[in-house]
C-alpha atoms as a PDB file:
ATOM      1  CA  MET A   1      74.068 -26.281  48.354  1.00  0.00           C
ATOM      2  CA  HIS A   2      74.948 -25.817  52.035  1.00  0.00           C
ATOM      3  CA  GLU A   3      73.917 -22.157  51.833  1.00  0.00           C
ATOM      4  CA  VAL A   4      70.628 -23.090  50.154  1.00  0.00           C
ATOM      5  CA  LEU A   5      69.800 -25.554  52.935  1.00  0.00           C
ATOM      6  CA  ALA A   6      70.678 -23.007  55.620  1.00  0.00           C
ATOM      7  CA  LEU A   7      68.497 -20.368  53.977  1.00  0.00           C
ATOM      8  CA  THR A   8      65.688 -22.892  53.558  1.00  0.00           C
ATOM      9  CA  GLN A   9      65.774 -23.640  57.275  1.00  0.00           C
ATOM     10  CA  LYS A  10      65.556 -19.910  57.956  1.00  0.00           C
ATOM     11  CA  GLU A  11      62.550 -19.582  55.651  1.00  0.00           C
ATOM     12  CA  LEU A  12      60.854 -22.544  57.318  1.00  0.00           C
ATOM     13  CA  ARG A  13      61.377 -20.953  60.726  1.00  0.00           C
ATOM     14  CA  GLY A  14      59.820 -17.779  59.362  1.00  0.00           C
ATOM     15  CA  ASP A  15      56.702 -19.791  58.433  1.00  0.00           C
ATOM     16  CA  ARG A  16      56.463 -21.523  61.813  1.00  0.00           C
ATOM     17  CA  HIS A  17      53.362 -19.599  62.882  1.00  0.00           C
ATOM     18  CA  ILE A  18      51.560 -20.774  59.751  1.00  0.00           C
ATOM     19  CA  TYR A  19      52.555 -24.383  60.444  1.00  0.00           C
ATOM     20  CA  LEU A  20      51.380 -24.070  64.046  1.00  0.00           C
ATOM     21  CA  MET A  21      47.953 -22.854  62.925  1.00  0.00           C
ATOM     22  CA  ILE A  22      47.663 -25.633  60.344  1.00  0.00           C
ATOM     23  CA  SER A  23      48.702 -28.285  62.871  1.00  0.00           C
ATOM     24  CA  ALA A  24      46.337 -26.983  65.542  1.00  0.00           C
ATOM     25  CA  TYR A  25      43.408 -27.055  63.138  1.00  0.00           C
ATOM     26  CA  VAL A  26      44.146 -30.549  61.809  1.00  0.00           C
ATOM     27  CA  ILE A  27      44.508 -31.938  65.349  1.00  0.00           C
ATOM     28  CA  LEU A  28      41.405 -30.241  66.769  1.00  0.00           C
ATOM     29  CA  ALA A  29      39.237 -31.027  63.764  1.00  0.00           C
ATOM     30  CA  ASN A  30      40.246 -34.675  63.744  1.00  0.00           C
ATOM     31  CA  ALA A  31      39.526 -34.860  67.471  1.00  0.00           C
ATOM     32  CA  ILE A  32      35.923 -34.261  66.389  1.00  0.00           C
ATOM     33  CA  LEU A  33      35.940 -36.319  63.199  1.00  0.00           C
ATOM     34  CA  LEU A  34      37.740 -39.450  64.369  1.00  0.00           C
ATOM     35  CA  PRO A  35      35.310 -40.409  67.171  1.00  0.00           C
ATOM     36  CA  ALA A  36      32.460 -39.868  64.729  1.00  0.00           C
ATOM     37  CA  GLY A  37      34.137 -42.074  62.118  1.00  0.00           C
ATOM     38  CA  HIS A  38      33.898 -39.246  59.612  1.00  0.00           C
ATOM     39  CA  ILE A  39      37.255 -39.779  57.886  1.00  0.00           C
ATOM     40  CA  PHE A  40      37.750 -40.189  54.141  1.00  0.00           C
ATOM     41  CA  ALA A  41      41.221 -41.218  52.996  1.00  0.00           C
ATOM     42  CA  SER A  42      40.309 -40.517  49.378  1.00  0.00           C
ATOM     43  CA  ILE A  43      40.076 -36.784  50.103  1.00  0.00           C
ATOM     44  CA  TYR A  44      43.759 -36.686  51.016  1.00  0.00           C
ATOM     45  CA  ARG A  45      44.642 -38.410  47.762  1.00  0.00           C
ATOM     46  CA  GLU A  46      42.527 -35.932  45.785  1.00  0.00           C
ATOM     47  CA  TYR A  47      44.215 -32.911  47.315  1.00  0.00           C
ATOM     48  CA  LEU A  48      47.640 -34.465  46.864  1.00  0.00           C
ATOM     49  CA  LEU A  49      46.817 -35.032  43.192  1.00  0.00           C
ATOM     50  CA  THR A  50      45.700 -31.399  42.901  1.00  0.00           C
ATOM     51  CA  LEU A  51      49.013 -30.342  44.445  1.00  0.00           C
ATOM     52  CA  VAL A  52      50.915 -32.370  41.860  1.00  0.00           C
ATOM     53  CA  ILE A  53      48.893 -31.146  38.886  1.00  0.00           C
ATOM     54  CA  LEU A  54      48.679 -27.437  39.739  1.00  0.00           C
ATOM     55  CA  ASN A  55      51.782 -26.745  41.808  1.00  0.00           C
ATOM     56  CA  ILE A  56      54.272 -29.115  40.239  1.00  0.00           C
ATOM     57  CA  LEU A  57      53.110 -29.212  36.622  1.00  0.00           C
ATOM     58  CA  VAL A  58      50.789 -26.353  35.606  1.00  0.00           C
ATOM     59  CA  PHE A  59      51.995 -23.258  37.489  1.00  0.00           C
ATOM     60  CA  PRO A  60      55.745 -23.997  37.327  1.00  0.00           C
ATOM     61  CA  GLY A  61      55.382 -24.839  33.639  1.00  0.00           C
ATOM     62  CA  LEU A  62      53.670 -21.536  32.883  1.00  0.00           C
ATOM     63  CA  ILE A  63      56.226 -19.607  34.930  1.00  0.00           C
ATOM     64  CA  MET A  64      59.177 -21.321  33.223  1.00  0.00           C
ATOM     65  CA  VAL A  65      57.802 -20.477  29.777  1.00  0.00           C
ATOM     66  CA  GLY A  66      57.320 -16.851  30.800  1.00  0.00           C
ATOM     67  CA  LEU A  67      60.744 -16.515  32.404  1.00  0.00           C
ATOM     68  CA  LEU A  68      62.533 -18.120  29.463  1.00  0.00           C
ATOM     69  CA  ALA A  69      60.666 -15.850  27.057  1.00  0.00           C
ATOM     70  CA  ARG A  70      61.694 -12.813  29.105  1.00  0.00           C
ATOM     71  CA  SER A  71      65.270 -14.083  29.224  1.00  0.00           C
ATOM     72  CA  LEU A  72      65.295 -14.550  25.454  1.00  0.00           C
ATOM     73  CA  LEU A  73      64.039 -10.999  24.900  1.00  0.00           C
ATOM     74  CA  ASP A  74      66.610  -9.623  27.337  1.00  0.00           C
ATOM     75  CA  ASP A  75      69.608 -11.316  25.706  1.00  0.00           C
ATOM     76  CA  PRO A  76      68.908 -13.352  22.536  1.00  0.00           C
ATOM     77  CA  ARG A  77      72.540 -14.493  22.335  1.00  0.00           C
ATOM     78  CA  HIS A  78      72.442 -15.932  25.852  1.00  0.00           C
ATOM     79  CA  PRO A  79      68.789 -16.878  26.291  1.00  0.00           C
ATOM     80  CA  THR A  80      69.173 -18.267  29.806  1.00  0.00           C
ATOM     81  CA  ALA A  81      71.363 -15.520  31.271  1.00  0.00           C
ATOM     82  CA  TRP A  82      68.554 -13.345  32.664  1.00  0.00           C
ATOM     83  CA  PHE A  83      66.847 -16.426  34.048  1.00  0.00           C
ATOM     84  CA  ARG A  84      69.983 -17.807  35.721  1.00  0.00           C
ATOM     85  CA  ALA A  85      70.829 -14.416  37.227  1.00  0.00           C
ATOM     86  CA  ARG A  86      67.585 -14.507  39.184  1.00  0.00           C
ATOM     87  CA  CYS A  87      67.891 -18.078  40.435  1.00  0.00           C
ATOM     88  CA  ASP A  88      70.086 -17.174  43.399  1.00  0.00           C
ATOM     89  CA  ASN A  89      70.371 -19.200  46.604  1.00  0.00           C
ATOM     90  CA  ARG A  90      67.834 -17.094  48.492  1.00  0.00           C
ATOM     91  CA  ARG A  91      65.229 -17.549  45.791  1.00  0.00           C
ATOM     92  CA  MET A  92      65.851 -21.294  45.629  1.00  0.00           C
ATOM     93  CA  ALA A  93      65.464 -21.499  49.402  1.00  0.00           C
ATOM     94  CA  ARG A  94      62.108 -19.715  49.267  1.00  0.00           C
ATOM     95  CA  ILE A  95      60.932 -22.087  46.548  1.00  0.00           C
ATOM     96  CA  LEU A  96      61.899 -25.151  48.608  1.00  0.00           C
ATOM     97  CA  ALA A  97      60.262 -23.732  51.730  1.00  0.00           C
ATOM     98  CA  GLY A  98      57.249 -22.776  49.649  1.00  0.00           C
ATOM     99  CA  TYR A  99      56.746 -26.316  48.449  1.00  0.00           C
ATOM    100  CA  ALA A 100      56.949 -27.539  52.039  1.00  0.00           C
ATOM    101  CA  LEU A 101      54.144 -25.118  52.877  1.00  0.00           C
ATOM    102  CA  LEU A 102      52.094 -26.240  49.882  1.00  0.00           C
ATOM    103  CA  LEU A 103      52.509 -29.852  51.017  1.00  0.00           C
ATOM    104  CA  ALA A 104      51.269 -28.908  54.511  1.00  0.00           C
ATOM    105  CA  LEU A 105      48.101 -27.522  52.931  1.00  0.00           C
ATOM    106  CA  VAL A 106      47.145 -31.008  51.674  1.00  0.00           C
ATOM    107  CA  PRO A 107      46.046 -32.387  55.083  1.00  0.00           C
ATOM    108  CA  PHE A 108      44.710 -28.951  55.996  1.00  0.00           C
ATOM    109  CA  MET A 109      42.321 -28.766  53.021  1.00  0.00           C
ATOM    110  CA  ALA A 110      41.405 -32.455  53.257  1.00  0.00           C
ATOM    111  CA  THR A 111      40.488 -31.988  56.920  1.00  0.00           C
ATOM    112  CA  PHE A 112      38.488 -28.869  56.081  1.00  0.00           C
ATOM    113  CA  THR A 113      36.510 -30.779  53.450  1.00  0.00           C
ATOM    114  CA  ALA A 114      35.719 -33.549  55.936  1.00  0.00           C
ATOM    115  CA  MET A 115      34.612 -30.955  58.509  1.00  0.00           C
ATOM    116  CA  LYS A 116      32.483 -29.156  55.938  1.00  0.00           C
ATOM    117  CA  SER A 117      30.606 -32.350  55.105  1.00  0.00           C
ATOM    118  CA  PHE A 118      30.297 -33.165  58.803  1.00  0.00           C
ATOM    119  CA  ILE A 119      28.634 -29.847  59.685  1.00  0.00           C
ATOM    120  CA  GLY A 120      25.382 -30.521  57.883  1.00  0.00           C
ATOM    121  CA  LEU A 121      24.986 -34.183  58.764  1.00  0.00           C
ATOM    122  CA  HIS A 122      22.193 -33.506  61.237  1.00  0.00           C
ATOM    123  CA  GLY A 123      20.260 -31.105  59.058  1.00  0.00           C
ATOM    124  CA  PHE A 124      20.126 -27.436  58.080  1.00  0.00           C
ATOM    125  CA  TYR A 125      18.156 -24.910  60.100  1.00  0.00           C
ATOM    126  CA  ALA A 126      19.218 -21.449  58.883  1.00  0.00           C
ATOM    127  CA  ASP A 127      17.962 -21.432  55.295  1.00  0.00           C
ATOM    128  CA  ILE A 128      14.569 -19.864  55.952  1.00  0.00           C
ATOM    129  CA  PRO A 129      15.859 -16.921  58.053  1.00  0.00           C
ATOM    130  CA  LEU A 130      18.773 -16.359  55.648  1.00  0.00           C
ATOM    131  CA  ALA A 131      16.517 -16.466  52.591  1.00  0.00           C
ATOM    132  CA  ASP A 132      13.983 -14.148  54.227  1.00  0.00           C
ATOM    133  CA  PHE A 133      16.668 -11.647  55.203  1.00  0.00           C
ATOM    134  CA  ASP A 134      18.123 -11.854  51.690  1.00  0.00           C
ATOM    135  CA  ARG A 135      14.711 -11.065  50.215  1.00  0.00           C
ATOM    136  CA  TRP A 136      14.150  -8.168  52.647  1.00  0.00           C
ATOM    137  CA  LEU A 137      17.584  -6.724  51.872  1.00  0.00           C
ATOM    138  CA  HIS A 138      16.798  -6.743  48.149  1.00  0.00           C
ATOM    139  CA  PHE A 139      13.488  -4.898  48.467  1.00  0.00           C
ATOM    140  CA  GLY A 140      11.204  -7.883  48.666  1.00  0.00           C
ATOM    141  CA  THR A 141      12.639  -9.992  45.835  1.00  0.00           C
ATOM    142  CA  ASP A 142      15.010 -12.939  46.047  1.00  0.00           C
ATOM    143  CA  PRO A 143      18.149 -11.697  44.204  1.00  0.00           C
ATOM    144  CA  ALA A 144      18.404 -14.869  42.112  1.00  0.00           C
ATOM    145  CA  PHE A 145      15.162 -13.882  40.363  1.00  0.00           C
ATOM    146  CA  LEU A 146      16.565 -10.430  39.573  1.00  0.00           C
ATOM    147  CA  LEU A 147      19.735 -11.857  38.049  1.00  0.00           C
ATOM    148  CA  HIS A 148      17.854 -14.446  36.006  1.00  0.00           C
ATOM    149  CA  ARG A 149      15.749 -11.724  34.418  1.00  0.00           C
ATOM    150  CA  ILE A 150      18.837  -9.762  33.427  1.00  0.00           C
ATOM    151  CA  LEU A 151      21.373 -12.476  32.574  1.00  0.00           C
ATOM    152  CA  ASP A 152      19.385 -15.309  31.004  1.00  0.00           C
ATOM    153  CA  TYR A 153      21.771 -15.819  28.070  1.00  0.00           C
ATOM    154  CA  GLY A 154      23.796 -18.954  27.412  1.00  0.00           C
ATOM    155  CA  SER A 155      27.084 -17.159  26.645  1.00  0.00           C
ATOM    156  CA  VAL A 156      26.766 -15.025  29.769  1.00  0.00           C
ATOM    157  CA  TRP A 157      26.135 -18.100  31.902  1.00  0.00           C
ATOM    158  CA  ARG A 158      29.200 -19.831  30.486  1.00  0.00           C
ATOM    159  CA  LEU A 159      31.318 -16.777  31.363  1.00  0.00           C
ATOM    160  CA  PHE A 160      30.125 -16.783  34.967  1.00  0.00           C
ATOM    161  CA  ALA A 161      30.441 -20.568  35.137  1.00  0.00           C
ATOM    162  CA  PHE A 162      34.092 -20.337  34.097  1.00  0.00           C
ATOM    163  CA  PHE A 163      34.961 -17.799  36.794  1.00  0.00           C
ATOM    164  CA  TYR A 164      32.979 -19.671  39.420  1.00  0.00           C
ATOM    165  CA  GLY A 165      34.583 -23.016  38.527  1.00  0.00           C
ATOM    166  CA  PRO A 166      37.943 -23.483  36.763  1.00  0.00           C
ATOM    167  CA  GLY A 167      38.687 -19.744  36.786  1.00  0.00           C
ATOM    168  CA  TRP A 168      38.282 -19.630  40.560  1.00  0.00           C
ATOM    169  CA  LEU A 169      40.528 -22.660  41.020  1.00  0.00           C
ATOM    170  CA  LEU A 170      43.277 -21.249  38.804  1.00  0.00           C
ATOM    171  CA  TRP A 171      43.116 -17.743  40.286  1.00  0.00           C
ATOM    172  CA  VAL A 172      43.086 -18.794  43.926  1.00  0.00           C
ATOM    173  CA  GLY A 173      45.496 -21.684  43.309  1.00  0.00           C
ATOM    174  CA  GLY A 174      47.810 -19.295  41.486  1.00  0.00           C
ATOM    175  CA  PHE A 175      47.813 -16.874  44.411  1.00  0.00           C
ATOM    176  CA  VAL A 176      48.487 -19.667  46.892  1.00  0.00           C
ATOM    177  CA  PHE A 177      51.391 -20.886  44.755  1.00  0.00           C
ATOM    178  CA  TRP A 178      52.759 -17.373  44.290  1.00  0.00           C
ATOM    179  CA  MET A 179      52.543 -16.485  47.965  1.00  0.00           C
ATOM    180  CA  ALA A 180      54.196 -19.764  48.937  1.00  0.00           C
ATOM    181  CA  VAL A 181      57.171 -19.731  46.591  1.00  0.00           C
ATOM    182  CA  ALA A 182      57.675 -16.100  45.506  1.00  0.00           C
ATOM    183  CA  ALA A 183      55.748 -13.612  47.646  1.00  0.00           C
ATOM    184  CA  PRO A 184      57.011 -10.015  47.282  1.00  0.00           C
ATOM    185  CA  SER A 185      57.639  -9.828  51.039  1.00  0.00           C
ATOM    186  CA  ARG A 186      57.499 -11.925  54.183  1.00  0.00           C
ATOM    187  CA  GLN A 187      54.769  -9.720  55.618  1.00  0.00           C
ATOM    188  CA  ILE A 188      52.470 -10.145  52.620  1.00  0.00           C
ATOM    189  CA  ARG A 189      53.066 -13.904  52.622  1.00  0.00           C
ATOM    190  CA  LYS A 190      52.367 -14.146  56.344  1.00  0.00           C
ATOM    191  CA  ARG A 191      49.187 -12.053  56.122  1.00  0.00           C
ATOM    192  CA  PHE A 192      47.985 -13.992  53.093  1.00  0.00           C
ATOM    193  CA  PHE A 193      48.287 -17.391  54.748  1.00  0.00           C
ATOM    194  CA  ILE A 194      46.845 -16.193  58.047  1.00  0.00           C
ATOM    195  CA  GLY A 195      43.907 -14.814  56.059  1.00  0.00           C
ATOM    196  CA  TYR A 196      43.730 -18.058  54.099  1.00  0.00           C
ATOM    197  CA  ILE A 197      43.525 -20.180  57.249  1.00  0.00           C
ATOM    198  CA  PHE A 198      41.085 -17.729  58.844  1.00  0.00           C
ATOM    199  CA  ALA A 199      38.744 -17.963  55.852  1.00  0.00           C
ATOM    200  CA  TRP A 200      38.606 -21.753  55.729  1.00  0.00           C
ATOM    201  CA  VAL A 201      38.556 -22.386  59.474  1.00  0.00           C
ATOM    202  CA  ILE A 202      36.610 -19.485  60.981  1.00  0.00           C
ATOM    203  CA  LEU A 203      34.263 -18.692  58.103  1.00  0.00           C
ATOM    204  CA  GLY A 204      34.117 -22.144  56.547  1.00  0.00           C
ATOM    205  CA  ASN A 205      33.773 -24.158  59.744  1.00  0.00           C
ATOM    206  CA  VAL A 206      32.948 -22.034  62.800  1.00  0.00           C
ATOM    207  CA  VAL A 207      30.562 -19.503  61.247  1.00  0.00           C
ATOM    208  CA  ALA A 208      29.093 -22.152  58.969  1.00  0.00           C
ATOM    209  CA  TRP A 209      28.353 -24.278  62.035  1.00  0.00           C
ATOM    210  CA  LEU A 210      26.618 -21.337  63.735  1.00  0.00           C
ATOM    211  CA  ALA A 211      24.336 -20.824  60.752  1.00  0.00           C
ATOM    212  CA  ILE A 212      24.027 -24.194  59.031  1.00  0.00           C
ATOM    213  CA  SER A 213      22.485 -23.650  55.621  1.00  0.00           C
ATOM    214  CA  ALA A 214      22.336 -25.495  52.321  1.00  0.00           C
ATOM    215  CA  GLY A 215      21.563 -22.609  49.972  1.00  0.00           C
ATOM    216  CA  PRO A 216      18.785 -21.952  47.436  1.00  0.00           C
ATOM    217  CA  ALA A 217      19.828 -24.968  45.345  1.00  0.00           C
ATOM    218  CA  PHE A 218      18.710 -27.292  48.149  1.00  0.00           C
ATOM    219  CA  PHE A 219      16.049 -25.085  49.741  1.00  0.00           C
ATOM    220  CA  ALA A 220      13.244 -27.505  48.872  1.00  0.00           C
ATOM    221  CA  GLU A 221      15.097 -30.498  50.296  1.00  0.00           C
ATOM    222  CA  VAL A 222      15.950 -28.868  53.631  1.00  0.00           C
ATOM    223  CA  THR A 223      12.773 -26.826  54.247  1.00  0.00           C
ATOM    224  CA  GLY A 224      10.083 -28.746  52.387  1.00  0.00           C
ATOM    225  CA  ASN A 225       9.124 -25.592  50.455  1.00  0.00           C
ATOM    226  CA  LYS A 226       9.370 -26.665  46.811  1.00  0.00           C
ATOM    227  CA  ASP A 227       7.849 -23.514  45.324  1.00  0.00           C
ATOM    228  CA  ARG A 228      10.036 -20.629  46.474  1.00  0.00           C
ATOM    229  CA  PHE A 229      13.005 -21.260  44.166  1.00  0.00           C
ATOM    230  CA  ALA A 230      11.327 -23.645  41.715  1.00  0.00           C
ATOM    231  CA  SER A 231      11.390 -21.301  38.715  1.00  0.00           C
ATOM    232  CA  VAL A 232      15.043 -20.273  39.105  1.00  0.00           C
ATOM    233  CA  LEU A 233      16.052 -23.896  39.605  1.00  0.00           C
ATOM    234  CA  ALA A 234      14.215 -24.756  36.386  1.00  0.00           C
ATOM    235  CA  THR A 235      16.228 -22.058  34.605  1.00  0.00           C
ATOM    236  CA  VAL A 236      19.459 -23.394  36.037  1.00  0.00           C
ATOM    237  CA  GLY A 237      18.471 -26.886  34.902  1.00  0.00           C
ATOM    238  CA  ALA A 238      17.794 -25.626  31.379  1.00  0.00           C
ATOM    239  CA  HIS A 239      21.314 -24.272  30.926  1.00  0.00           C
ATOM    240  CA  THR A 240      24.195 -26.527  29.978  1.00  0.00           C
ATOM    241  CA  LEU A 241      27.870 -25.657  29.868  1.00  0.00           C
ATOM    242  CA  SER A 242      30.294 -26.086  26.987  1.00  0.00           C
ATOM    243  CA  ASP A 243      30.996 -29.718  27.952  1.00  0.00           C
ATOM    244  CA  GLY A 244      27.292 -30.571  27.852  1.00  0.00           C
ATOM    245  CA  ARG A 245      26.887 -30.862  31.598  1.00  0.00           C
ATOM    246  CA  GLY A 246      24.590 -28.681  33.617  1.00  0.00           C
ATOM    247  CA  ILE A 247      25.097 -26.869  36.908  1.00  0.00           C
ATOM    248  CA  ARG A 248      21.955 -28.503  38.205  1.00  0.00           C
ATOM    249  CA  ASP A 249      23.520 -31.904  37.473  1.00  0.00           C
ATOM    250  CA  LEU A 250      26.418 -31.013  39.769  1.00  0.00           C
ATOM    251  CA  GLN A 251      24.027 -29.874  42.486  1.00  0.00           C
ATOM    252  CA  THR A 252      22.122 -33.141  42.231  1.00  0.00           C
ATOM    253  CA  TYR A 253      25.413 -35.027  42.445  1.00  0.00           C
ATOM    254  CA  LEU A 254      26.428 -33.174  45.621  1.00  0.00           C
ATOM    255  CA  TRP A 255      23.066 -33.793  47.228  1.00  0.00           C
ATOM    256  CA  GLY A 256      23.466 -37.482  46.422  1.00  0.00           C
ATOM    257  CA  LEU A 257      26.822 -37.508  48.231  1.00  0.00           C
ATOM    258  CA  TYR A 258      25.227 -35.810  51.212  1.00  0.00           C
ATOM    259  CA  VAL A 259      22.301 -38.229  51.437  1.00  0.00           C
ATOM    260  CA  SER A 260      24.507 -41.311  51.071  1.00  0.00           C
ATOM    261  CA  HIS A 261      27.289 -39.922  53.352  1.00  0.00           C
ATOM    262  CA  SER A 262      29.725 -40.700  50.552  1.00  0.00           C
ATOM    263  CA  SER A 263      33.084 -39.230  49.653  1.00  0.00           C
ATOM    264  CA  GLY A 264      33.547 -37.441  46.365  1.00  0.00           C
ATOM    265  CA  PHE A 265      34.883 -34.359  44.642  1.00  0.00           C
ATOM    266  CA  GLY A 266      33.487 -31.181  46.186  1.00  0.00           C
ATOM    267  CA  MET A 267      31.720 -33.077  48.966  1.00  0.00           C
ATOM    268  CA  GLY A 268      30.042 -31.080  51.695  1.00  0.00           C
ATOM    269  CA  ILE A 269      27.097 -28.686  51.527  1.00  0.00           C
ATOM    270  CA  SER A 270      27.411 -25.361  53.297  1.00  0.00           C
ATOM    271  CA  ALA A 271      26.132 -22.065  51.938  1.00  0.00           C
ATOM    272  CA  PHE A 272      26.716 -19.410  54.588  1.00  0.00           C
ATOM    273  CA  PRO A 273      29.181 -17.791  54.306  1.00  0.00           C
ATOM    274  CA  SER A 274      30.570 -18.074  50.772  1.00  0.00           C
ATOM    275  CA  LEU A 275      34.138 -19.405  50.733  1.00  0.00           C
ATOM    276  CA  HIS A 276      34.333 -18.816  46.990  1.00  0.00           C
ATOM    277  CA  VAL A 277      33.830 -15.105  47.567  1.00  0.00           C
ATOM    278  CA  ALA A 278      35.990 -15.053  50.711  1.00  0.00           C
ATOM    279  CA  MET A 279      39.013 -16.455  48.899  1.00  0.00           C
ATOM    280  CA  MET A 280      38.563 -14.141  45.919  1.00  0.00           C
ATOM    281  CA  THR A 281      38.345 -11.208  48.322  1.00  0.00           C
ATOM    282  CA  LEU A 282      41.568 -12.279  50.019  1.00  0.00           C
ATOM    283  CA  CYS A 283      43.333 -12.445  46.651  1.00  0.00           C
ATOM    284  CA  ALA A 284      42.002  -8.997  45.696  1.00  0.00           C
ATOM    285  CA  LEU A 285      43.266  -7.541  48.984  1.00  0.00           C
ATOM    286  CA  VAL A 286      46.732  -8.970  48.367  1.00  0.00           C
ATOM    287  CA  ALA A 287      46.651  -7.706  44.784  1.00  0.00           C
ATOM    288  CA  ALA A 288      45.766  -4.204  46.001  1.00  0.00           C
ATOM    289  CA  GLU A 289      49.095  -4.059  47.871  1.00  0.00           C
ATOM    290  CA  ILE A 290      51.143  -5.196  44.892  1.00  0.00           C
ATOM    291  CA  ASP A 291      49.849  -3.821  41.602  1.00  0.00           C
ATOM    292  CA  ARG A 292      46.979  -1.533  40.568  1.00  0.00           C
ATOM    293  CA  ILE A 293      46.054  -3.473  37.429  1.00  0.00           C
ATOM    294  CA  LEU A 294      46.167  -6.761  39.333  1.00  0.00           C
ATOM    295  CA  ALA A 295      43.956  -5.171  41.996  1.00  0.00           C
ATOM    296  CA  ILE A 296      41.386  -4.110  39.393  1.00  0.00           C
ATOM    297  CA  ALA A 297      41.367  -7.650  37.999  1.00  0.00           C
ATOM    298  CA  GLY A 298      40.970  -9.038  41.514  1.00  0.00           C
ATOM    299  CA  VAL A 299      37.987  -6.820  42.342  1.00  0.00           C
ATOM    300  CA  THR A 300      36.379  -7.618  38.982  1.00  0.00           C
ATOM    301  CA  ILE A 301      36.660 -11.339  39.633  1.00  0.00           C
ATOM    302  CA  VAL A 302      35.190 -10.919  43.133  1.00  0.00           C
ATOM    303  CA  ILE A 303      32.142  -9.294  41.538  1.00  0.00           C
ATOM    304  CA  LEU A 304      31.868 -12.011  38.882  1.00  0.00           C
ATOM    305  CA  VAL A 305      32.080 -14.806  41.455  1.00  0.00           C
ATOM    306  CA  GLN A 306      29.579 -13.089  43.754  1.00  0.00           C
ATOM    307  CA  ILE A 307      27.099 -12.731  40.890  1.00  0.00           C
ATOM    308  CA  GLY A 308      27.738 -16.301  39.746  1.00  0.00           C
ATOM    309  CA  SER A 309      27.130 -17.691  43.226  1.00  0.00           C
ATOM    310  CA  VAL A 310      23.633 -16.150  43.230  1.00  0.00           C
ATOM    311  CA  LEU A 311      22.905 -16.714  39.540  1.00  0.00           C
ATOM    312  CA  PHE A 312      23.539 -20.449  39.900  1.00  0.00           C
ATOM    313  CA  VAL A 313      21.621 -20.486  43.233  1.00  0.00           C
ATOM    314  CA  TRP A 314      24.561 -21.904  45.157  1.00  0.00           C
ATOM    315  CA  HIS A 315      24.268 -19.052  47.640  1.00  0.00           C
ATOM    316  CA  TYR A 316      22.051 -16.335  49.000  1.00  0.00           C
ATOM    317  CA  ALA A 317      23.522 -12.939  48.147  1.00  0.00           C
ATOM    318  CA  ILE A 318      24.214 -12.212  51.816  1.00  0.00           C
ATOM    319  CA  ASP A 319      26.535 -15.227  51.947  1.00  0.00           C
ATOM    320  CA  GLY A 320      28.978 -13.302  49.752  1.00  0.00           C
ATOM    321  CA  TYR A 321      28.318  -9.889  51.299  1.00  0.00           C
ATOM    322  CA  PHE A 322      29.172 -11.278  54.724  1.00  0.00           C
ATOM    323  CA  SER A 323      32.385 -12.885  53.438  1.00  0.00           C
ATOM    324  CA  ILE A 324      33.545  -9.660  51.787  1.00  0.00           C
ATOM    325  CA  ILE A 325      32.881  -7.550  54.880  1.00  0.00           C
ATOM    326  CA  VAL A 326      34.587  -9.986  57.246  1.00  0.00           C
ATOM    327  CA  MET A 327      37.628 -10.598  55.023  1.00  0.00           C
ATOM    328  CA  VAL A 328      38.211  -6.883  54.432  1.00  0.00           C
ATOM    329  CA  SER A 329      37.852  -6.183  58.162  1.00  0.00           C
ATOM    330  CA  PHE A 330      40.212  -9.025  59.090  1.00  0.00           C
ATOM    331  CA  TRP A 331      42.759  -7.873  56.513  1.00  0.00           C
ATOM    332  CA  LEU A 332      42.750  -4.363  57.984  1.00  0.00           C
ATOM    333  CA  VAL A 333      43.445  -5.889  61.392  1.00  0.00           C
ATOM    334  CA  LEU A 334      46.301  -7.933  59.931  1.00  0.00           C
ATOM    335  CA  CYS A 335      47.786  -4.809  58.380  1.00  0.00           C
ATOM    336  CA  HIS A 336      48.084  -3.079  61.753  1.00  0.00           C
ATOM    337  CA  PRO A 337      51.821  -2.523  62.394  1.00  0.00           C
ATOM    338  CA  ALA A 338      51.532  -3.596  66.013  1.00  0.00           C
ATOM    339  CA  LEU A 339      50.363  -7.067  64.968  1.00  0.00           C
ATOM    340  CA  LEU A 340      52.816  -8.145  62.318  1.00  0.00           C
ATOM    341  CA  GLY A 341      55.390  -5.388  62.242  1.00  0.00           C
ATOM    342  CA  ARG A 342      56.333  -3.478  59.131  1.00  0.00           C
ATOM    343  CA  THR A 343      54.103  -4.021  56.099  1.00  0.00           C
ATOM    344  CA  SER A 344      56.189  -2.735  53.227  1.00  0.00           C
ATOM    345  CA  THR A 345      55.396  -4.444  49.955  1.00  0.00           C
ATOM    346  CA  VAL A 346      58.975  -5.268  48.907  1.00  0.00           C
ATOM    347  CA  GLN A 347      61.820  -6.173  51.225  1.00  0.00           C
ATOM    348  CA  PRO A 348      65.473  -6.848  50.337  1.00  0.00           C
ATOM    349  CA  HIS A 349      65.207 -10.600  50.864  1.00  0.00           C
ATOM    350  CA  ALA A 350      62.055 -10.974  48.789  1.00  0.00           C
ATOM    351  CA  ALA A 351      61.794 -13.684  46.179  1.00  0.00           C
ATOM    352  CA  SER A 352      59.745 -11.566  43.802  1.00  0.00           C
ATOM    353  CA  PRO A 353      58.976 -12.761  40.275  1.00  0.00           C
ATOM    354  CA  GLY A 354      61.580 -10.400  38.869  1.00  0.00           C
END
């Protein structure tokens, strides 16, 4: 136990730069939010509950089932031998330090959500130029109209809705959990979390504040032009998901939270740039350094989420294009040896899945 604690302290020191960035953001953001009275305690409870459900129940449960199955196949007479052989002190230390990092992300994400909802409080001014540029880039047609002509099928919509909603949460949440407790190397873990913080803070707050936009779903409300996206919004409203709810119902719910300045799940309206696409891109970039099949899956999901974001009129297409370009560029900078040292995928100390 003493060795585990000593190794855990070493792992925590290795993550100190990540903790410093998280702390700096939470302090600076709350220096803006607190004087404005824009604080919602319920958000912290929601993210803590998400931590418990995903990172303490769902992901560990799935991993334990997989590891025990592998152990059983490896040695049926001693079904836990393979599993126990890989639960060494170094791995246990990384898991403990990983959970400390996951816990630190609770106030980070809660603060981000509060900042996101704060950004648009005084209105949105970038929707018209963004929509016009989007139309120009796609040869004079808003891309949502193009996708609706091609993909107006209930089963197709449900597929994209899964990857844009629960699929996105599980994929990104799974990567965050994996990088926290069992990343293949310190360098990959460090780059992942620096990229993670960069995406939420720089793209999600700073860039979003420079180009405050609500997206096609709320174009009529923020510009007064009710005709431009009326037909695609009608199509979105006509589709319901497997649980009977519609995407348009969720959009109406979010607008209600915005108008009433209320707290609720998913609160905050900000279209440019797309954080959904940014996080999927980050995961794909990490996957590309680890496994070719995982990389192909990552790129495929980026494409699905990008299409879904436009299909459901959450975003202009350029919201996702911008996120992809910036995240890839930032990742290349992070991979420079002079910045973070060696970038080998697997190092001797690594707590890899096995």
